[in-house]
Structures are given as structure tokens and as C-alpha cells.
Amino acid sequence: MAPLVLYHFPGSPPSRSALLVLRNLDLDVEVKIVNLFAGEHMAEEYLAINPEHTVPTLVDEDYVLWESKAIATYLTEQYKPGCSLYPNDPKKRGLILHRLFFDSGMLFPALRQILAPVLRDGATVISQEQKDTMHKALERMESYLQQGNEWIAGDDCSLADLCALATITTVHHLGVNFGDFPNIQAWYDRCHELPGFAENEEGASVIANAVKSKLEEPY
């Protein structure tokens, strides 16, 4: 069987979340870098694979899938069904899905509202409104970890943690202080032991440093 192929940009939190899932499932994968800064996602050969020109994109023989959460759930159900990252129990799975939607709908958009104006539009300041939006998202995540859980969707590390980790790592490298969020800090410390953590950190630092180099003052 041919190895899985992941088209990946290390700076992208969604792309890194898909790679974290692959690492934590211990799946054989060929990682192909798509440099968004160089416009490689608009190349004809990449558009033939993914006409929406996004990363990550997964190729599993003749099956092609993009959108990071779709990739995460597909990989788990296809190759490690019922594992602790995405168990069969409907109540546990429902909570994991809730947290995945939180990342998609609140946490990552708060980060994207900071990254995009700097990287695409030439902004040199992070506004107080942007900071407040991020703070609210972090407050929400902190509340999930105040429920007696070591992980954001229960007692076990799940897909929700891996996807949130890719986002939070970028937030951390931007210079956001977790002093007001002790549960997030403790969770982040636990995440250091996860497969792929160092690889994820490296990608986050690259994108964060690119943003920080353009700012008039630190976050």
C-alpha cells in the first residue's frame, strides 16, 4: 500500500494539526511542503489536486481530502477506529466534536484575525479589539480545562487537543502571556510529551517570527 501523502505548510496551524494527528496515530506519511509564501498553492499541479488551493490536503491512494478537521476524523476512523483520540462512545465523541468546532469557530479565527492583516495587508499593529477577541477565546478554553479534565474534552488526549495545540502553539510563540490561564499553561506543558510536539513548535515559531518581525511593538 502506498504511503499517505500530506501536502503541508509548516506555518499553517490547521496544516500542523493534521500532521500532529498523523504523528499521534503513528501512520506512515510522505510530507510534501507547499510554500504559501511563494504561491505554490496556486500552481497548476496543486490546483489539479485541490482546486480550493488550501492546506492541508491529504492523498490516500485515490482518495483526496482537505480541511484539517475532516482529515483528522477520517484518518482516525480509517486507520485506528475507536482509539482514545476519537472513541466510539457517542457522548465522548460529541464532546470532542464540540471542542473541534470551538477551534474552528472561535479559537483559530481569533488567531487568524491577528495573522492575516500583518502577513497579507501590511498591518504593523495588533489592535486592542484583536487582543480582546483572542482573550475571550482563551477564557473559553480555560473554562473547558476547569471542569476537572487534564485534556480539553475529557480525561484522555483527543483530536480536539491536537487541533487546539497547533493553534495555541502559534499563540504562545506570538508572545501571548498565559499567566491569566493557568489551566491552559498546565495543558500546554502536558502536550510537550505528545508525538510531533517539537515539529509543531518549529512550524509555529516560523510563522510567529514572521509576524513579529513586522510589528511596531510586541504583542
N, C-alpha and C. Protein backbone atom coordinates (compact mmCIF):
# COMPACT_ATOMS: atom_id res chain seq x y z
N MET A 1 0.84 -1.19 0.00
CA MET A 1 0.00 0.00 0.00
C MET A 1 0.88 1.24 0.00
N ALA A 2 0.56 2.20 -0.84
CA ALA A 2 1.33 3.44 -0.92
C ALA A 2 1.15 4.24 0.37
N PRO A 3 2.19 4.95 0.78
CA PRO A 3 2.04 5.77 2.00
C PRO A 3 1.07 6.92 1.77
N LEU A 4 0.51 7.39 2.83
CA LEU A 4 -0.29 8.59 2.77
C LEU A 4 0.59 9.77 2.35
N VAL A 5 -0.01 10.74 1.70
CA VAL A 5 0.71 11.95 1.32
C VAL A 5 -0.03 13.13 1.93
N LEU A 6 0.71 13.98 2.62
CA LEU A 6 0.14 15.20 3.18
C LEU A 6 0.83 16.40 2.55
N TYR A 7 0.04 17.22 1.86
CA TYR A 7 0.53 18.49 1.35
C TYR A 7 0.40 19.50 2.49
N HIS A 8 1.51 20.11 2.85
CA HIS A 8 1.63 20.75 4.16
C HIS A 8 2.43 22.04 4.08
N PHE A 9 1.97 23.05 4.81
CA PHE A 9 2.76 24.27 5.01
C PHE A 9 3.01 24.41 6.50
N PRO A 10 4.25 24.30 6.95
CA PRO A 10 4.54 24.26 8.39
C PRO A 10 4.03 25.46 9.18
N GLY A 11 3.89 26.61 8.55
CA GLY A 11 3.40 27.77 9.27
C GLY A 11 1.92 27.75 9.56
N SER A 12 1.18 26.92 8.85
CA SER A 12 -0.28 26.90 8.98
C SER A 12 -0.73 26.06 10.17
N PRO A 13 -1.43 26.65 11.16
CA PRO A 13 -1.93 25.84 12.28
C PRO A 13 -2.84 24.68 11.84
N PRO A 14 -3.80 24.89 10.93
CA PRO A 14 -4.60 23.74 10.51
C PRO A 14 -3.76 22.62 9.87
N SER A 15 -2.77 23.03 9.10
CA SER A 15 -1.91 22.03 8.46
C SER A 15 -1.11 21.26 9.51
N ARG A 16 -0.60 21.99 10.50
CA ARG A 16 0.15 21.32 11.57
C ARG A 16 -0.75 20.41 12.41
N SER A 17 -2.02 20.75 12.54
CA SER A 17 -2.91 19.88 13.31
C SER A 17 -3.09 18.54 12.60
N ALA A 18 -3.20 18.56 11.28
CA ALA A 18 -3.32 17.31 10.54
C ALA A 18 -2.05 16.47 10.70
N LEU A 19 -0.89 17.13 10.67
CA LEU A 19 0.36 16.40 10.84
C LEU A 19 0.48 15.85 12.26
N LEU A 20 0.02 16.59 13.25
CA LEU A 20 0.02 16.08 14.63
C LEU A 20 -0.84 14.83 14.75
N VAL A 21 -1.97 14.81 14.07
CA VAL A 21 -2.82 13.61 14.10
C VAL A 21 -2.08 12.43 13.48
N LEU A 22 -1.44 12.65 12.36
CA LEU A 22 -0.68 11.57 11.73
C LEU A 22 0.42 11.06 12.65
N ARG A 23 1.13 11.96 13.31
CA ARG A 23 2.20 11.54 14.22
C ARG A 23 1.65 10.76 15.41
N ASN A 24 0.51 11.21 15.95
CA ASN A 24 -0.03 10.55 17.13
C ASN A 24 -0.74 9.25 16.80
N LEU A 25 -1.13 9.07 15.55
CA LEU A 25 -1.65 7.77 15.10
C LEU A 25 -0.52 6.86 14.62
N ASP A 26 0.69 7.40 14.53
CA ASP A 26 1.87 6.65 14.10
C ASP A 26 1.66 6.06 12.70
N LEU A 27 1.22 6.91 11.79
CA LEU A 27 0.96 6.47 10.42
C LEU A 27 2.11 6.89 9.50
N ASP A 28 2.38 6.04 8.53
CA ASP A 28 3.42 6.32 7.54
C ASP A 28 2.91 7.39 6.59
N VAL A 29 3.63 8.48 6.47
CA VAL A 29 3.18 9.58 5.62
C VAL A 29 4.36 10.23 4.92
N GLU A 30 4.14 10.60 3.69
CA GLU A 30 5.10 11.42 2.95
C GLU A 30 4.60 12.86 3.02
N VAL A 31 5.41 13.73 3.58
CA VAL A 31 5.02 15.14 3.74
C VAL A 31 5.62 15.94 2.59
N LYS A 32 4.75 16.61 1.84
CA LYS A 32 5.19 17.45 0.74
C LYS A 32 4.89 18.91 1.09
N ILE A 33 5.92 19.71 1.16
CA ILE A 33 5.77 21.10 1.57
C ILE A 33 5.20 21.93 0.42
N VAL A 34 4.17 22.70 0.74
CA VAL A 34 3.60 23.66 -0.21
C VAL A 34 3.86 25.05 0.39
N ASN A 35 4.74 25.80 -0.21
CA ASN A 35 5.14 27.10 0.33
C ASN A 35 4.10 28.16 -0.07
N LEU A 36 3.24 28.51 0.86
CA LEU A 36 2.20 29.50 0.57
C LEU A 36 2.82 30.86 0.28
N PHE A 37 3.91 31.20 0.98
CA PHE A 37 4.55 32.50 0.76
C PHE A 37 5.07 32.64 -0.67
N ALA A 38 5.44 31.50 -1.27
CA ALA A 38 5.95 31.52 -2.64
C ALA A 38 4.85 31.28 -3.67
N GLY A 39 3.61 31.13 -3.21
CA GLY A 39 2.48 30.94 -4.13
C GLY A 39 2.36 29.54 -4.70
N GLU A 40 3.02 28.57 -4.07
CA GLU A 40 2.99 27.22 -4.63
C GLU A 40 1.61 26.59 -4.57
N HIS A 41 0.74 27.10 -3.71
CA HIS A 41 -0.62 26.57 -3.63
C HIS A 41 -1.47 26.96 -4.84
N MET A 42 -0.97 27.91 -5.64
CA MET A 42 -1.69 28.32 -6.84
C MET A 42 -1.11 27.69 -8.11
N ALA A 43 -0.12 26.83 -7.95
CA ALA A 43 0.48 26.16 -9.10
C ALA A 43 -0.52 25.21 -9.74
N GLU A 44 -0.44 25.07 -11.03
CA GLU A 44 -1.41 24.26 -11.79
C GLU A 44 -1.47 22.83 -11.26
N GLU A 45 -0.30 22.26 -10.94
CA GLU A 45 -0.29 20.87 -10.48
C GLU A 45 -0.94 20.71 -9.11
N TYR A 46 -0.85 21.75 -8.27
CA TYR A 46 -1.51 21.66 -6.97
C TYR A 46 -3.01 21.88 -7.10
N LEU A 47 -3.41 22.80 -7.96
CA LEU A 47 -4.84 23.04 -8.19
C LEU A 47 -5.52 21.80 -8.75
N ALA A 48 -4.76 20.98 -9.48
CA ALA A 48 -5.33 19.74 -10.00
C ALA A 48 -5.67 18.76 -8.88
N ILE A 49 -4.94 18.87 -7.77
CA ILE A 49 -5.20 18.02 -6.61
C ILE A 49 -6.27 18.64 -5.72
N ASN A 50 -6.14 19.92 -5.46
CA ASN A 50 -7.07 20.63 -4.59
C ASN A 50 -7.43 21.97 -5.24
N PRO A 51 -8.56 22.04 -5.94
CA PRO A 51 -8.94 23.27 -6.64
C PRO A 51 -9.22 24.44 -5.71
N GLU A 52 -9.41 24.16 -4.40
CA GLU A 52 -9.61 25.26 -3.44
C GLU A 52 -8.28 25.80 -2.92
N HIS A 53 -7.18 25.21 -3.39
CA HIS A 53 -5.79 25.64 -3.12
C HIS A 53 -5.51 25.94 -1.65
N THR A 54 -5.98 25.04 -0.78
CA THR A 54 -5.73 25.20 0.65
C THR A 54 -4.78 24.11 1.14
N VAL A 55 -4.24 24.33 2.33
CA VAL A 55 -3.51 23.29 3.04
C VAL A 55 -4.18 23.12 4.40
N PRO A 56 -4.14 21.90 4.93
CA PRO A 56 -3.51 20.69 4.39
C PRO A 56 -4.41 20.02 3.36
N THR A 57 -3.79 19.18 2.54
CA THR A 57 -4.51 18.27 1.66
C THR A 57 -3.93 16.88 1.86
N LEU A 58 -4.80 15.91 2.04
CA LEU A 58 -4.40 14.52 2.23
C LEU A 58 -4.72 13.71 0.98
N VAL A 59 -3.76 12.91 0.56
CA VAL A 59 -4.00 11.96 -0.53
C VAL A 59 -3.77 10.56 0.01
N ASP A 60 -4.81 9.75 -0.05
CA ASP A 60 -4.76 8.35 0.39
C ASP A 60 -5.11 7.50 -0.82
N GLU A 61 -4.06 7.14 -1.58
CA GLU A 61 -4.22 6.45 -2.86
C GLU A 61 -5.12 7.28 -3.78
N ASP A 62 -6.34 6.84 -4.07
CA ASP A 62 -7.19 7.60 -5.00
C ASP A 62 -8.19 8.50 -4.27
N TYR A 63 -8.01 8.66 -2.96
CA TYR A 63 -8.92 9.47 -2.15
C TYR A 63 -8.21 10.75 -1.75
N VAL A 64 -8.84 11.89 -2.04
CA VAL A 64 -8.25 13.20 -1.74
C VAL A 64 -9.19 13.95 -0.82
N LEU A 65 -8.61 14.55 0.23
CA LEU A 65 -9.42 15.24 1.22
C LEU A 65 -8.67 16.46 1.72
N TRP A 66 -9.40 17.57 1.85
CA TRP A 66 -8.82 18.74 2.53
C TRP A 66 -9.77 19.20 3.61
N GLU A 67 -9.36 20.24 4.34
CA GLU A 67 -9.96 20.69 5.59
C GLU A 67 -9.44 19.83 6.75
N SER A 68 -8.76 20.48 7.67
CA SER A 68 -7.98 19.77 8.70
C SER A 68 -8.83 18.87 9.60
N LYS A 69 -10.01 19.34 10.02
CA LYS A 69 -10.84 18.52 10.91
C LYS A 69 -11.39 17.30 10.18
N ALA A 70 -11.72 17.47 8.91
CA ALA A 70 -12.16 16.33 8.11
C ALA A 70 -11.04 15.30 7.97
N ILE A 71 -9.83 15.79 7.75
CA ILE A 71 -8.68 14.89 7.65
C ILE A 71 -8.45 14.17 8.97
N ALA A 72 -8.53 14.90 10.08
CA ALA A 72 -8.29 14.30 11.40
C ALA A 72 -9.26 13.18 11.69
N THR A 73 -10.54 13.41 11.47
CA THR A 73 -11.54 12.38 11.77
C THR A 73 -11.45 11.22 10.78
N TYR A 74 -11.18 11.53 9.52
CA TYR A 74 -11.03 10.45 8.53
C TYR A 74 -9.88 9.52 8.90
N LEU A 75 -8.73 10.09 9.18
CA LEU A 75 -7.56 9.26 9.49
C LEU A 75 -7.82 8.35 10.69
N THR A 76 -8.46 8.89 11.70
CA THR A 76 -8.70 8.10 12.91
C THR A 76 -9.69 6.98 12.64
N GLU A 77 -10.77 7.29 11.96
CA GLU A 77 -11.78 6.26 11.70
C GLU A 77 -11.30 5.23 10.68
N GLN A 78 -10.47 5.66 9.75
CA GLN A 78 -10.00 4.74 8.72
C GLN A 78 -8.90 3.80 9.24
N TYR A 79 -8.00 4.34 10.10
CA TYR A 79 -6.81 3.57 10.47
C TYR A 79 -6.75 3.16 11.94
N LYS A 80 -7.38 3.88 12.83
CA LYS A 80 -7.37 3.50 14.25
C LYS A 80 -8.78 3.69 14.86
N PRO A 81 -9.78 3.03 14.27
CA PRO A 81 -11.16 3.28 14.73
C PRO A 81 -11.34 2.92 16.20
N GLY A 82 -12.03 3.79 16.92
CA GLY A 82 -12.31 3.53 18.33
C GLY A 82 -11.19 3.87 19.28
N CYS A 83 -10.08 4.41 18.78
CA CYS A 83 -8.96 4.74 19.67
C CYS A 83 -9.32 5.93 20.54
N SER A 84 -8.49 6.19 21.55
CA SER A 84 -8.80 7.23 22.53
C SER A 84 -8.82 8.63 21.92
N LEU A 85 -8.15 8.81 20.79
CA LEU A 85 -8.19 10.12 20.14
C LEU A 85 -9.58 10.47 19.63
N TYR A 86 -10.37 9.45 19.32
CA TYR A 86 -11.72 9.66 18.77
C TYR A 86 -12.55 8.40 19.04
N PRO A 87 -12.92 8.18 20.30
CA PRO A 87 -13.56 6.93 20.70
C PRO A 87 -14.97 6.78 20.12
N ASN A 88 -15.47 5.56 20.16
CA ASN A 88 -16.78 5.28 19.60
C ASN A 88 -17.93 5.78 20.47
N ASP A 89 -17.67 5.95 21.77
CA ASP A 89 -18.73 6.38 22.68
C ASP A 89 -19.33 7.71 22.18
N PRO A 90 -20.65 7.73 21.91
CA PRO A 90 -21.26 8.94 21.32
C PRO A 90 -21.10 10.18 22.20
N LYS A 91 -21.17 10.02 23.52
CA LYS A 91 -21.05 11.18 24.39
C LYS A 91 -19.63 11.74 24.39
N LYS A 92 -18.64 10.85 24.43
CA LYS A 92 -17.25 11.31 24.36
C LYS A 92 -16.97 11.95 23.01
N ARG A 93 -17.46 11.30 21.97
CA ARG A 93 -17.23 11.83 20.62
C ARG A 93 -17.93 13.18 20.44
N GLY A 94 -19.12 13.31 20.99
CA GLY A 94 -19.83 14.58 20.90
C GLY A 94 -19.06 15.71 21.53
N LEU A 95 -18.43 15.44 22.68
CA LEU A 95 -17.65 16.47 23.36
C LEU A 95 -16.40 16.83 22.55
N ILE A 96 -15.78 15.82 21.97
CA ILE A 96 -14.62 16.08 21.13
C ILE A 96 -15.01 16.94 19.94
N LEU A 97 -16.14 16.62 19.31
CA LEU A 97 -16.60 17.41 18.18
C LEU A 97 -16.91 18.85 18.59
N HIS A 98 -17.49 19.00 19.77
CA HIS A 98 -17.77 20.35 20.26
C HIS A 98 -16.49 21.17 20.36
N ARG A 99 -15.44 20.57 20.89
CA ARG A 99 -14.17 21.28 21.05
C ARG A 99 -13.49 21.52 19.69
N LEU A 100 -13.67 20.59 18.76
CA LEU A 100 -13.15 20.82 17.42
C LEU A 100 -13.85 22.01 16.77
N PHE A 101 -15.17 22.09 16.96
CA PHE A 101 -15.91 23.22 16.42
C PHE A 101 -15.51 24.53 17.11
N PHE A 102 -15.18 24.43 18.40
CA PHE A 102 -14.67 25.61 19.11
C PHE A 102 -13.39 26.12 18.47
N ASP A 103 -12.49 25.21 18.13
CA ASP A 103 -11.25 25.63 17.49
C ASP A 103 -11.54 26.26 16.13
N SER A 104 -12.41 25.61 15.35
CA SER A 104 -12.73 26.12 14.02
C SER A 104 -13.49 27.44 14.06
N GLY A 105 -14.39 27.58 15.05
CA GLY A 105 -15.29 28.71 15.05
C GLY A 105 -14.87 29.88 15.92
N MET A 106 -13.96 29.66 16.89
CA MET A 106 -13.62 30.74 17.81
C MET A 106 -12.11 30.90 18.01
N LEU A 107 -11.43 29.82 18.36
CA LEU A 107 -10.01 29.94 18.72
C LEU A 107 -9.15 30.27 17.50
N PHE A 108 -9.22 29.45 16.46
CA PHE A 108 -8.40 29.72 15.28
C PHE A 108 -8.79 31.02 14.58
N PRO A 109 -10.09 31.35 14.44
CA PRO A 109 -10.42 32.65 13.85
C PRO A 109 -9.84 33.83 14.62
N ALA A 110 -9.77 33.73 15.95
CA ALA A 110 -9.17 34.81 16.73
C ALA A 110 -7.70 34.97 16.38
N LEU A 111 -7.02 33.86 16.15
CA LEU A 111 -5.61 33.92 15.73
C LEU A 111 -5.49 34.43 14.30
N ARG A 112 -6.34 33.94 13.43
CA ARG A 112 -6.28 34.36 12.02
C ARG A 112 -6.50 35.86 11.87
N GLN A 113 -7.36 36.43 12.71
CA GLN A 113 -7.60 37.88 12.68
C GLN A 113 -6.36 38.68 13.05
N ILE A 114 -5.42 38.04 13.72
CA ILE A 114 -4.15 38.68 14.04
C ILE A 114 -3.14 38.46 12.92
N LEU A 115 -3.05 37.22 12.43
CA LEU A 115 -2.04 36.88 11.44
C LEU A 115 -2.29 37.51 10.08
N ALA A 116 -3.52 37.40 9.58
CA ALA A 116 -3.80 37.79 8.20
C ALA A 116 -3.54 39.27 7.92
N PRO A 117 -3.98 40.20 8.77
CA PRO A 117 -3.71 41.61 8.46
C PRO A 117 -2.22 41.94 8.37
N VAL A 118 -1.42 41.26 9.18
CA VAL A 118 0.02 41.51 9.17
C VAL A 118 0.66 40.89 7.94
N LEU A 119 0.35 39.63 7.67
CA LEU A 119 1.02 38.89 6.60
C LEU A 119 0.50 39.25 5.22
N ARG A 120 -0.78 39.60 5.13
CA ARG A 120 -1.36 39.87 3.82
C ARG A 120 -1.55 41.35 3.51
N ASP A 121 -1.85 42.13 4.55
CA ASP A 121 -2.25 43.52 4.31
C ASP A 121 -1.24 44.55 4.79
N GLY A 122 -0.15 44.09 5.39
CA GLY A 122 0.89 45.01 5.80
C GLY A 122 0.65 45.72 7.12
N ALA A 123 -0.29 45.23 7.93
CA ALA A 123 -0.53 45.84 9.24
C ALA A 123 0.72 45.70 10.10
N THR A 124 0.94 46.71 10.95
CA THR A 124 2.12 46.68 11.82
C THR A 124 1.74 46.77 13.29
N VAL A 125 0.44 46.75 13.58
CA VAL A 125 -0.06 46.85 14.94
C VAL A 125 -1.16 45.82 15.15
N ILE A 126 -1.15 45.16 16.30
CA ILE A 126 -2.26 44.30 16.70
C ILE A 126 -3.19 45.15 17.55
N SER A 127 -4.42 45.31 17.12
CA SER A 127 -5.34 46.21 17.80
C SER A 127 -5.82 45.61 19.13
N GLN A 128 -6.32 46.49 19.99
CA GLN A 128 -6.87 46.02 21.25
C GLN A 128 -8.08 45.13 21.02
N GLU A 129 -8.85 45.43 20.00
CA GLU A 129 -10.01 44.58 19.67
C GLU A 129 -9.57 43.16 19.31
N GLN A 130 -8.50 43.06 18.54
CA GLN A 130 -7.97 41.74 18.18
C GLN A 130 -7.49 41.00 19.42
N LYS A 131 -6.81 41.73 20.31
CA LYS A 131 -6.33 41.13 21.55
C LYS A 131 -7.50 40.68 22.43
N ASP A 132 -8.55 41.48 22.49
CA ASP A 132 -9.72 41.13 23.30
C ASP A 132 -10.40 39.88 22.76
N THR A 133 -10.48 39.77 21.44
CA THR A 133 -11.09 38.59 20.83
C THR A 133 -10.29 37.34 21.17
N MET A 134 -8.97 37.44 21.11
CA MET A 134 -8.13 36.31 21.49
C MET A 134 -8.31 35.97 22.95
N HIS A 135 -8.37 36.99 23.81
CA HIS A 135 -8.52 36.77 25.24
C HIS A 135 -9.82 36.03 25.54
N LYS A 136 -10.89 36.38 24.86
CA LYS A 136 -12.17 35.71 25.06
C LYS A 136 -12.10 34.23 24.65
N ALA A 137 -11.41 33.96 23.56
CA ALA A 137 -11.25 32.57 23.12
C ALA A 137 -10.44 31.77 24.15
N LEU A 138 -9.39 32.38 24.67
CA LEU A 138 -8.58 31.70 25.68
C LEU A 138 -9.37 31.51 26.97
N GLU A 139 -10.20 32.46 27.33
CA GLU A 139 -11.07 32.28 28.50
C GLU A 139 -11.98 31.08 28.33
N ARG A 140 -12.53 30.93 27.13
CA ARG A 140 -13.41 29.80 26.87
C ARG A 140 -12.64 28.47 27.00
N MET A 141 -11.46 28.41 26.43
CA MET A 141 -10.66 27.19 26.54
C MET A 141 -10.28 26.92 27.99
N GLU A 142 -9.92 27.97 28.72
CA GLU A 142 -9.59 27.81 30.14
C GLU A 142 -10.76 27.20 30.89
N SER A 143 -11.99 27.60 30.54
CA SER A 143 -13.17 27.06 31.22
C SER A 143 -13.34 25.57 30.96
N TYR A 144 -12.98 25.11 29.77
CA TYR A 144 -13.08 23.68 29.47
C TYR A 144 -12.12 22.88 30.36
N LEU A 145 -10.99 23.47 30.67
CA LEU A 145 -9.98 22.78 31.48
C LEU A 145 -10.22 22.96 32.97
N GLN A 146 -11.21 23.77 33.35
CA GLN A 146 -11.57 23.93 34.75
C GLN A 146 -12.58 22.89 35.21
N GLN A 147 -12.96 22.00 34.32
CA GLN A 147 -14.00 21.02 34.63
C GLN A 147 -13.42 19.70 35.16
N GLY A 148 -12.22 19.78 35.71
CA GLY A 148 -11.59 18.58 36.26
C GLY A 148 -10.91 17.72 35.23
N ASN A 149 -10.71 18.26 34.04
CA ASN A 149 -10.09 17.49 32.95
C ASN A 149 -8.63 17.90 32.77
N GLU A 150 -7.82 16.92 32.44
CA GLU A 150 -6.45 17.24 32.04
C GLU A 150 -6.39 17.62 30.56
N TRP A 151 -7.39 17.19 29.81
CA TRP A 151 -7.46 17.47 28.37
C TRP A 151 -8.77 18.19 28.08
N ILE A 152 -8.87 18.85 26.96
CA ILE A 152 -9.99 19.76 26.78
C ILE A 152 -11.32 19.07 26.51
N ALA A 153 -11.29 17.77 26.26
CA ALA A 153 -12.54 17.05 26.05
C ALA A 153 -12.65 15.83 26.94
N GLY A 154 -11.98 15.84 28.08
CA GLY A 154 -12.09 14.70 29.00
C GLY A 154 -10.77 14.29 29.60
N ASP A 155 -10.69 13.02 29.96
CA ASP A 155 -9.52 12.51 30.67
C ASP A 155 -8.40 12.07 29.74
N ASP A 156 -8.69 11.94 28.47
CA ASP A 156 -7.69 11.47 27.51
C ASP A 156 -7.42 12.51 26.44
N CYS A 157 -6.20 12.53 25.96
CA CYS A 157 -5.86 13.37 24.82
C CYS A 157 -6.69 12.93 23.62
N SER A 158 -7.24 13.89 22.90
CA SER A 158 -8.11 13.57 21.77
C SER A 158 -7.74 14.42 20.56
N LEU A 159 -8.46 14.21 19.47
CA LEU A 159 -8.26 15.03 18.29
C LEU A 159 -8.44 16.51 18.61
N ALA A 160 -9.32 16.81 19.54
CA ALA A 160 -9.56 18.20 19.91
C ALA A 160 -8.30 18.85 20.48
N ASP A 161 -7.55 18.11 21.28
CA ASP A 161 -6.31 18.65 21.84
C ASP A 161 -5.27 18.87 20.76
N LEU A 162 -5.17 17.94 19.83
CA LEU A 162 -4.15 18.07 18.79
C LEU A 162 -4.43 19.28 17.89
N CYS A 163 -5.71 19.48 17.56
CA CYS A 163 -6.05 20.63 16.72
C CYS A 163 -5.87 21.94 17.48
N ALA A 164 -6.30 21.97 18.73
CA ALA A 164 -6.11 23.18 19.53
C ALA A 164 -4.63 23.46 19.76
N LEU A 165 -3.84 22.41 19.91
CA LEU A 165 -2.41 22.59 20.16
C LEU A 165 -1.74 23.35 19.03
N ALA A 166 -2.10 23.03 17.79
CA ALA A 166 -1.48 23.72 16.66
C ALA A 166 -1.78 25.22 16.71
N THR A 167 -2.99 25.56 17.14
CA THR A 167 -3.35 26.97 17.26
C THR A 167 -2.65 27.62 18.46
N ILE A 168 -2.74 26.97 19.61
CA ILE A 168 -2.19 27.55 20.84
C ILE A 168 -0.68 27.71 20.76
N THR A 169 0.00 26.80 20.08
CA THR A 169 1.45 26.93 19.94
C THR A 169 1.80 28.22 19.21
N THR A 170 1.03 28.53 18.18
CA THR A 170 1.27 29.77 17.46
C THR A 170 1.00 30.98 18.34
N VAL A 171 -0.09 30.92 19.11
CA VAL A 171 -0.43 31.99 20.04
C VAL A 171 0.72 32.20 21.03
N HIS A 172 1.24 31.09 21.55
CA HIS A 172 2.36 31.15 22.50
C HIS A 172 3.58 31.83 21.88
N HIS A 173 3.93 31.44 20.66
CA HIS A 173 5.13 31.99 20.03
C HIS A 173 4.94 33.44 19.61
N LEU A 174 3.71 33.88 19.47
CA LEU A 174 3.47 35.29 19.20
C LEU A 174 3.80 36.16 20.42
N GLY A 175 3.84 35.51 21.58
CA GLY A 175 4.17 36.24 22.80
C GLY A 175 3.00 36.45 23.73
N VAL A 176 1.89 35.76 23.49
CA VAL A 176 0.74 35.88 24.38
C VAL A 176 1.08 35.25 25.72
N ASN A 177 0.82 35.97 26.79
CA ASN A 177 1.12 35.51 28.15
C ASN A 177 -0.03 34.64 28.67
N PHE A 178 0.28 33.43 29.09
CA PHE A 178 -0.73 32.53 29.65
C PHE A 178 -0.87 32.68 31.16
N GLY A 179 -0.31 33.76 31.71
CA GLY A 179 -0.37 33.95 33.15
C GLY A 179 -1.78 33.99 33.70
N ASP A 180 -2.72 34.49 32.91
CA ASP A 180 -4.12 34.53 33.32
C ASP A 180 -4.84 33.21 33.07
N PHE A 181 -4.14 32.26 32.50
CA PHE A 181 -4.77 31.00 32.09
C PHE A 181 -3.93 29.82 32.59
N PRO A 182 -3.91 29.58 33.90
CA PRO A 182 -3.04 28.53 34.44
C PRO A 182 -3.39 27.13 33.94
N ASN A 183 -4.65 26.89 33.66
CA ASN A 183 -5.03 25.57 33.16
C ASN A 183 -4.54 25.34 31.74
N ILE A 184 -4.57 26.40 30.94
CA ILE A 184 -4.01 26.27 29.60
C ILE A 184 -2.51 26.05 29.67
N GLN A 185 -1.83 26.77 30.56
CA GLN A 185 -0.39 26.58 30.70
C GLN A 185 -0.06 25.15 31.12
N ALA A 186 -0.81 24.60 32.08
CA ALA A 186 -0.57 23.22 32.53
C ALA A 186 -0.85 22.24 31.40
N TRP A 187 -1.92 22.48 30.66
CA TRP A 187 -2.25 21.64 29.50
C TRP A 187 -1.14 21.69 28.46
N TYR A 188 -0.66 22.90 28.18
CA TYR A 188 0.40 23.07 27.19
C TYR A 188 1.66 22.33 27.63
N ASP A 189 1.96 22.38 28.91
CA ASP A 189 3.12 21.64 29.43
C ASP A 189 2.94 20.14 29.23
N ARG A 190 1.73 19.63 29.44
CA ARG A 190 1.47 18.20 29.22
C ARG A 190 1.65 17.84 27.76
N CYS A 191 1.30 18.74 26.89
CA CYS A 191 1.38 18.47 25.46
C CYS A 191 2.81 18.27 24.98
N HIS A 192 3.78 18.74 25.76
CA HIS A 192 5.19 18.55 25.38
C HIS A 192 5.54 17.08 25.16
N GLU A 193 4.80 16.18 25.80
CA GLU A 193 5.11 14.75 25.70
C GLU A 193 4.47 14.09 24.49
N LEU A 194 3.66 14.81 23.73
CA LEU A 194 2.95 14.22 22.60
C LEU A 194 3.87 14.05 21.40
N PRO A 195 3.70 12.97 20.64
CA PRO A 195 4.46 12.83 19.39
C PRO A 195 4.21 14.02 18.47
N GLY A 196 5.27 14.50 17.87
CA GLY A 196 5.17 15.61 16.94
C GLY A 196 5.19 16.98 17.56
N PHE A 197 5.35 17.05 18.90
CA PHE A 197 5.29 18.37 19.56
C PHE A 197 6.40 19.28 19.07
N ALA A 198 7.63 18.80 19.02
CA ALA A 198 8.76 19.64 18.63
C ALA A 198 8.61 20.11 17.18
N GLU A 199 8.15 19.23 16.32
CA GLU A 199 7.93 19.57 14.91
C GLU A 199 6.88 20.68 14.80
N ASN A 200 5.84 20.58 15.60
CA ASN A 200 4.79 21.58 15.63
C ASN A 200 5.33 22.93 16.13
N GLU A 201 6.16 22.87 17.16
CA GLU A 201 6.76 24.09 17.71
C GLU A 201 7.60 24.81 16.65
N GLU A 202 8.35 24.05 15.90
CA GLU A 202 9.22 24.65 14.89
C GLU A 202 8.41 25.42 13.85
N GLY A 203 7.33 24.80 13.36
CA GLY A 203 6.49 25.48 12.38
C GLY A 203 5.83 26.71 12.94
N ALA A 204 5.37 26.62 14.20
CA ALA A 204 4.71 27.77 14.83
C ALA A 204 5.68 28.93 15.01
N SER A 205 6.90 28.62 15.37
CA SER A 205 7.87 29.70 15.60
C SER A 205 8.19 30.44 14.30
N VAL A 206 8.19 29.73 13.18
CA VAL A 206 8.48 30.37 11.90
C VAL A 206 7.41 31.40 11.55
N ILE A 207 6.14 31.00 11.65
CA ILE A 207 5.06 31.93 11.28
C ILE A 207 4.96 33.06 12.30
N ALA A 208 5.16 32.75 13.58
CA ALA A 208 5.08 33.79 14.60
C ALA A 208 6.21 34.80 14.44
N ASN A 209 7.39 34.32 14.15
CA ASN A 209 8.52 35.23 13.97
C ASN A 209 8.33 36.12 12.73
N ALA A 210 7.70 35.56 11.70
CA ALA A 210 7.43 36.36 10.51
C ALA A 210 6.49 37.51 10.84
N VAL A 211 5.51 37.24 11.70
CA VAL A 211 4.57 38.29 12.12
C VAL A 211 5.28 39.30 13.02
N LYS A 212 5.99 38.79 14.02
CA LYS A 212 6.63 39.69 14.99
C LYS A 212 7.64 40.63 14.32
N SER A 213 8.28 40.15 13.27
CA SER A 213 9.27 40.99 12.58
C SER A 213 8.64 42.21 11.91
N LYS A 214 7.33 42.18 11.70
CA LYS A 214 6.64 43.27 11.02
C LYS A 214 5.91 44.21 11.99
N LEU A 215 5.88 43.85 13.27
CA LEU A 215 5.14 44.64 14.24
C LEU A 215 5.98 45.80 14.77
N GLU A 216 5.30 46.91 15.04
CA GLU A 216 5.97 48.07 15.63
C GLU A 216 6.31 47.84 17.09
N GLU A 217 5.50 47.03 17.77
CA GLU A 217 5.75 46.71 19.16
C GLU A 217 5.29 45.28 19.42
N PRO A 218 5.86 44.60 20.43
CA PRO A 218 5.49 43.21 20.71
C PRO A 218 4.03 43.08 21.10
N TYR A 219 3.52 41.87 20.96
CA TYR A 219 2.14 41.60 21.36
C TYR A 219 1.92 42.00 22.81
